[in-house]
């Protein structure tokens, strides 16, 4: 499977650079990681030539919810295993302080600016970095930011025809595709936190 992660910081609005990885896992195993089966897969999604289409307008996702940020990380974030495989630049900064043992909060209300900055940094580091480095914040992040929601699209074949654009927007999204065909001049535009798994990717160009 080829994985493409396009993250957005929880507390910010700017998309960071997308990253691509490969992992030795079948399509069925990938879908199962989201608590789903390939029996729900949409047989095909086709974006017609030169059209711009929003994914949620042509397909209905499965909404997955969890109160556990660790599970949310596995659905949408950067896995610790991938970080271990190779050194990565641009991982999120860590909070300046560990979270005090035994301190319980349910929101950011009442925290100092420095404490808010640490919680926000921990959230980004947990999801997009090595979560083990901010494990002291785990329960706090569950309470402050949970429950977490992901729109999951399971698709057997996705075709973006010549000159067409497929837009992804809205809440965090996982796109699980057995195969994708990107024709000449086509594009995928990710305007949401997006994790895309692709078993087979073909880029097709017009030969004159």
Protein backbone atom coordinates (compact mmCIF):
# COMPACT_ATOMS: atom_id res chain seq x y z
CA UNK A 1 0.00 0.00 0.00
CA UNK A 2 1.11 3.55 -0.76
CA UNK A 3 0.20 6.02 1.96
CA UNK A 4 -0.19 9.76 1.42
CA UNK A 5 -0.66 11.92 4.51
CA UNK A 6 -1.75 15.54 4.22
CA UNK A 7 -1.89 16.92 7.76
CA UNK A 8 -3.31 20.11 9.17
CA UNK A 9 -2.28 21.27 12.62
CA UNK A 10 -5.12 20.98 15.14
CA UNK A 11 -4.62 24.54 16.30
CA UNK A 12 -3.62 26.04 12.98
CA UNK A 13 -5.03 26.52 9.50
CA UNK A 14 -2.06 25.86 7.24
CA UNK A 15 -1.62 22.55 5.48
CA UNK A 16 1.84 21.14 5.86
CA UNK A 17 3.62 19.36 3.03
CA UNK A 18 2.13 15.99 2.08
CA UNK A 19 4.27 12.91 2.67
CA UNK A 20 4.25 9.57 0.86
CA UNK A 21 5.28 6.17 2.20
CA UNK A 22 4.89 2.52 1.30
CA UNK A 23 3.90 -0.28 3.64
CA UNK A 24 3.63 -4.04 3.15
CA UNK A 25 -0.08 -4.46 3.83
CA UNK A 26 -3.02 -5.70 1.77
CA UNK A 27 -6.08 -3.64 0.88
CA UNK A 28 -8.24 -5.84 3.13
CA UNK A 29 -5.85 -5.35 6.05
CA UNK A 30 -5.84 -1.59 5.54
CA UNK A 31 -9.64 -1.39 5.52
CA UNK A 32 -9.79 -3.63 8.61
CA UNK A 33 -7.58 -1.13 10.48
CA UNK A 34 -10.58 1.23 10.35
CA UNK A 35 -12.95 -1.41 11.71
CA UNK A 36 -14.49 -1.94 8.26
CA UNK A 37 -14.53 -4.60 5.53
CA UNK A 38 -14.08 -4.37 1.77
CA UNK A 39 -17.69 -5.51 1.32
CA UNK A 40 -18.73 -1.86 1.74
CA UNK A 41 -16.38 -0.62 -0.99
CA UNK A 42 -17.84 1.60 -3.70
CA UNK A 43 -17.11 -0.25 -6.97
CA UNK A 44 -15.95 2.87 -8.82
CA UNK A 45 -15.84 6.65 -8.65
CA UNK A 46 -15.17 8.50 -11.91
CA UNK A 47 -14.51 12.23 -12.15
CA UNK A 48 -15.43 13.24 -15.75
CA UNK A 49 -12.95 15.05 -18.02
CA UNK A 50 -12.27 18.73 -17.18
CA UNK A 51 -14.75 18.77 -14.29
CA UNK A 52 -14.05 19.84 -10.71
CA UNK A 53 -15.83 17.62 -8.20
CA UNK A 54 -15.97 17.55 -4.39
CA UNK A 55 -15.63 13.97 -3.15
CA UNK A 56 -18.43 14.28 -0.58
CA UNK A 57 -20.83 15.33 -3.37
CA UNK A 58 -20.40 12.10 -5.32
CA UNK A 59 -19.82 9.52 -2.57
CA UNK A 60 -21.02 8.92 0.98
CA UNK A 61 -18.36 8.24 3.60
CA UNK A 62 -18.56 6.02 6.65
CA UNK A 63 -18.23 8.16 9.77
CA UNK A 64 -15.88 6.61 12.33
CA UNK A 65 -15.70 8.02 15.85
CA UNK A 66 -13.35 7.39 18.73
CA UNK A 67 -12.62 8.92 22.13
CA UNK A 68 -9.02 7.67 21.90
CA UNK A 69 -6.46 9.94 20.25
CA UNK A 70 -4.16 6.93 19.75
CA UNK A 71 -6.80 5.30 17.53
CA UNK A 72 -7.39 8.63 15.76
CA UNK A 73 -3.63 8.82 15.08
CA UNK A 74 -3.73 5.38 13.46
CA UNK A 75 -6.65 6.44 11.28
CA UNK A 76 -5.43 9.83 10.15
CA UNK A 77 -2.00 10.70 11.51
CA UNK A 78 1.64 9.70 11.14
CA UNK A 79 2.31 6.26 12.61
CA UNK A 80 5.26 5.81 14.96
CA UNK A 81 6.38 2.82 12.87
CA UNK A 82 6.87 5.02 9.80
CA UNK A 83 8.86 7.53 11.81
CA UNK A 84 11.10 4.70 13.00
CA UNK A 85 11.68 3.47 9.44
CA UNK A 86 13.46 6.59 8.26
CA UNK A 87 14.52 9.98 9.63
CA UNK A 88 11.96 12.67 8.84
CA UNK A 89 12.42 16.41 8.71
CA UNK A 90 9.74 18.85 9.74
CA UNK A 91 8.14 16.87 12.56
CA UNK A 92 6.12 19.03 14.97
CA UNK A 93 7.84 20.77 17.84
CA UNK A 94 7.42 19.21 21.28
CA UNK A 95 5.83 21.03 24.22
CA UNK A 96 8.27 22.75 26.52
CA UNK A 97 7.05 20.88 29.59
CA UNK A 98 5.64 17.46 30.42
CA UNK A 99 2.03 17.40 31.61
CA UNK A 100 1.84 17.37 35.44
CA UNK A 101 0.99 13.91 36.77
CA UNK A 102 -2.53 13.74 38.20
CA UNK A 103 -3.70 17.06 36.78
CA UNK A 104 -7.12 16.71 35.13
CA UNK A 105 -8.73 19.26 32.79
CA UNK A 106 -11.63 19.01 30.34
CA UNK A 107 -10.94 22.15 28.29
CA UNK A 108 -8.32 24.81 27.68
CA UNK A 109 -10.29 27.33 29.72
CA UNK A 110 -8.35 28.68 32.66
CA UNK A 111 -4.94 27.63 31.40
CA UNK A 112 -2.13 30.11 30.98
CA UNK A 113 -0.99 31.02 27.48
CA UNK A 114 2.12 28.88 27.99
CA UNK A 115 0.04 25.89 29.10
CA UNK A 116 -2.31 26.26 26.11
CA UNK A 117 0.69 26.39 23.80
CA UNK A 118 2.06 23.19 25.37
CA UNK A 119 -1.26 21.32 25.00
CA UNK A 120 -1.60 22.41 21.37
CA UNK A 121 2.02 21.43 20.65
CA UNK A 122 1.44 18.06 22.31
CA UNK A 123 -1.65 17.44 20.16
CA UNK A 124 0.25 18.11 16.96
CA UNK A 125 3.25 16.08 18.12
CA UNK A 126 1.04 13.17 19.17
CA UNK A 127 -0.76 12.89 15.83
CA UNK A 128 1.96 13.96 13.36
CA UNK A 129 5.08 12.94 15.29
CA UNK A 130 6.27 10.26 17.70
CA UNK A 131 3.42 10.05 20.21
CA UNK A 132 5.65 8.31 22.74
CA UNK A 133 7.49 11.59 23.30
CA UNK A 134 4.31 13.27 24.60
CA UNK A 135 2.67 10.31 26.34
CA UNK A 136 2.14 12.36 29.52
CA UNK A 137 -0.45 14.43 27.60
CA UNK A 138 -2.46 11.50 26.24
CA UNK A 139 -5.42 11.56 28.67
CA UNK A 140 -5.54 15.36 28.56
CA UNK A 141 -5.72 15.32 24.76
CA UNK A 142 -8.52 12.74 24.86
CA UNK A 143 -10.57 14.96 27.15
CA UNK A 144 -9.81 18.32 25.49
CA UNK A 145 -10.08 17.36 21.81
CA UNK A 146 -12.16 14.17 21.80
CA UNK A 147 -14.28 12.62 20.56
CA UNK A 148 -12.48 12.41 17.22
CA UNK A 149 -14.25 11.87 13.89
CA UNK A 150 -13.02 10.67 10.50
CA UNK A 151 -14.88 10.33 7.19
CA UNK A 152 -13.76 7.07 5.57
CA UNK A 153 -14.19 6.36 1.87
CA UNK A 154 -13.56 2.77 0.72
CA UNK A 155 -13.28 2.62 -3.07
CA UNK A 156 -12.35 -0.25 -5.37
CA UNK A 157 -11.42 2.05 -8.28
CA UNK A 158 -11.04 5.81 -8.44
CA UNK A 159 -10.60 7.45 -11.84
CA UNK A 160 -9.80 11.16 -12.24
CA UNK A 161 -10.15 11.74 -15.97
CA UNK A 162 -8.14 14.09 -18.18
CA UNK A 163 -8.07 17.67 -16.90
CA UNK A 164 -10.38 16.85 -13.98
CA UNK A 165 -9.93 17.78 -10.32
CA UNK A 166 -11.11 15.88 -7.26
CA UNK A 167 -11.42 18.05 -4.15
CA UNK A 168 -11.38 16.72 -0.59
CA UNK A 169 -12.69 19.06 2.08
CA UNK A 170 -14.48 19.00 5.41
CA UNK A 171 -13.63 16.94 8.47
CA UNK A 172 -10.55 14.67 8.63
CA UNK A 173 -10.76 12.13 5.81
CA UNK A 174 -9.34 8.68 5.05
CA UNK A 175 -9.52 7.50 1.43
CA UNK A 176 -8.84 3.79 1.00
CA UNK A 177 -8.47 2.84 -2.66
CA UNK A 178 -7.64 -0.47 -4.27
CA UNK A 179 -6.64 1.38 -7.44
CA UNK A 180 -6.41 4.97 -8.68
CA UNK A 181 -6.05 6.19 -12.26
CA UNK A 182 -4.89 9.77 -12.75
CA UNK A 183 -5.22 10.83 -16.38
CA UNK A 184 -3.31 13.57 -18.17
CA UNK A 185 -3.73 16.96 -16.47
CA UNK A 186 -5.83 15.61 -13.59
CA UNK A 187 -5.25 16.47 -9.94
CA UNK A 188 -6.25 15.73 -6.37
CA UNK A 189 -6.64 18.77 -4.13
CA UNK A 190 -6.67 18.13 -0.41
CA UNK A 191 -8.28 20.88 1.65
CA UNK A 192 -8.76 18.75 4.73
CA UNK A 193 -6.65 16.55 6.95
CA UNK A 194 -6.36 13.54 4.64
CA UNK A 195 -4.83 10.10 4.79
CA UNK A 196 -4.95 8.20 1.52
CA UNK A 197 -4.10 4.54 1.08
CA UNK A 198 -3.61 3.28 -2.49
CA UNK A 199 -2.93 -0.32 -3.50
CA UNK A 200 -2.24 0.51 -7.17
CA UNK A 201 -1.60 3.94 -8.72
CA UNK A 202 -1.49 4.57 -12.48
CA UNK A 203 -0.71 7.91 -14.10
CA UNK A 204 -1.87 7.97 -17.70
CA UNK A 205 -0.65 10.50 -20.28
CA UNK A 206 -1.92 11.17 -23.77
CA UNK A 207 0.57 10.00 -26.39
CA UNK A 208 0.62 12.15 -29.55
